[in-house]
Each structure stands twice: as C-alpha cells, then as structure tokens.
Amino acid sequence: MAIGEHFDNIAGSSVAVDVSSTDADLTYESCSIFVGGAGDIKVRMASGDITFTCPAGALLPIRCDKIYNSGTT
C-alpha cells in the first residue's frame, strides 16, 4: 500500500492564495481552507457560491475551486 493511498480527502499539500486584486481559480479542488485574518470569504462550491464569516485562524473544512476577490474581506 502506497503512502496516502486511502487518504484522498486529507490535504497533502498547500498553497497560498492572494485575492487582494483578483479572483483565485484553484488548480485543484480544496479539502479545507485556512483563513489567516478575520473577515468574510466568498467561495465557489459544487452547490454554488457562498460567503462565510470567519474569525482569524479559522479552518473551513470545505471543498471549493474558486475564491472570489469581491465578497472576500
């Protein structure tokens, strides 16, 4: 059995995302999002667009493929 073979919903890597000037289309669908600063984060999920209000240091266990500039503070 290869390492990570049965762990397809656990993060195996990470990437920093900056939406200060434009939307971020993610290369891969996320399995979670760490929110470093308090505020709103607007994302595109399979069910549609949604905005979460988060405290600093929040970990959102969500699958999304886009983080929007507009609606993210």
Protein backbone atom coordinates (compact mmCIF):
# COMPACT_ATOMS: atom_id res chain seq x y z
CA MET A 1 0.00 0.00 0.00
CA ALA A 2 1.37 3.39 -1.01
CA ILE A 3 1.52 6.26 1.46
CA GLY A 4 -1.70 8.26 1.24
CA GLU A 5 -3.46 5.66 -0.90
CA HIS A 6 -6.62 5.75 1.19
CA PHE A 7 -6.43 9.37 2.23
CA ASP A 8 -7.82 11.20 -0.78
CA ASN A 9 -9.72 13.73 1.38
CA ILE A 10 -6.74 14.77 3.51
CA ALA A 11 -4.51 17.66 2.49
CA GLY A 12 -1.23 16.51 1.03
CA SER A 13 -0.02 19.96 0.04
CA SER A 14 -0.87 23.61 0.48
CA VAL A 15 -0.77 26.83 -1.49
CA ALA A 16 -1.03 30.49 -0.52
CA VAL A 17 -3.87 32.37 -2.19
CA ASP A 18 -3.97 36.15 -2.64
CA VAL A 19 -7.32 37.59 -3.68
CA SER A 20 -6.47 41.23 -2.94
CA SER A 21 -6.70 42.21 -6.62
CA THR A 22 -8.35 39.31 -8.49
CA ASP A 23 -10.25 36.04 -8.04
CA ALA A 24 -8.27 32.88 -7.39
CA ASP A 25 -9.15 29.90 -9.57
CA LEU A 26 -7.67 26.94 -7.72
CA THR A 27 -5.75 24.33 -9.71
CA TYR A 28 -7.32 21.59 -7.59
CA GLU A 29 -10.49 21.47 -5.52
CA SER A 30 -9.68 22.24 -1.90
CA CYS A 31 -10.42 19.94 1.02
CA SER A 32 -10.11 22.81 3.51
CA ILE A 33 -9.24 26.49 3.69
CA PHE A 34 -7.23 28.20 6.43
CA VAL A 35 -8.33 31.81 6.96
CA GLY A 36 -5.49 33.85 8.46
CA GLY A 37 -7.38 37.08 9.17
CA ALA A 38 -10.91 37.71 10.42
CA GLY A 39 -13.49 38.61 7.79
CA ASP A 40 -15.63 37.19 5.01
CA ILE A 41 -14.51 34.68 2.40
CA LYS A 42 -16.60 34.06 -0.69
CA VAL A 43 -16.04 30.76 -2.49
CA ARG A 44 -17.49 28.66 -5.30
CA MET A 45 -18.58 25.19 -4.19
CA ALA A 46 -20.37 22.48 -6.18
CA SER A 47 -23.68 23.69 -4.71
CA GLY A 48 -22.99 27.31 -5.70
CA ASP A 49 -21.38 30.46 -4.33
CA ILE A 50 -21.38 31.04 -0.57
CA THR A 51 -19.85 33.57 1.82
CA PHE A 52 -18.51 32.51 5.22
CA THR A 53 -17.82 34.95 8.06
CA CYS A 54 -14.69 33.74 9.85
CA PRO A 55 -12.61 34.62 12.89
CA ALA A 56 -8.84 34.84 12.43
CA GLY A 57 -7.25 31.41 12.30
CA ALA A 58 -10.40 29.61 11.12
CA LEU A 59 -10.10 26.30 9.29
CA LEU A 60 -13.02 25.71 6.93
CA PRO A 61 -13.43 22.02 6.03
CA ILE A 62 -14.92 22.79 2.62
CA ARG A 63 -14.38 21.73 -0.97
CA CYS A 64 -14.19 24.65 -3.38
CA ASP A 65 -12.45 25.50 -6.63
CA LYS A 66 -12.54 29.30 -6.58
CA ILE A 67 -12.06 32.09 -4.03
CA TYR A 68 -13.54 35.44 -5.04
CA ASN A 69 -11.99 38.87 -4.65
CA SER A 70 -15.41 40.52 -4.49
CA GLY A 71 -17.11 39.41 -1.28
CA THR A 72 -13.85 38.45 0.46
CA THR A 73 -12.63 40.93 3.08
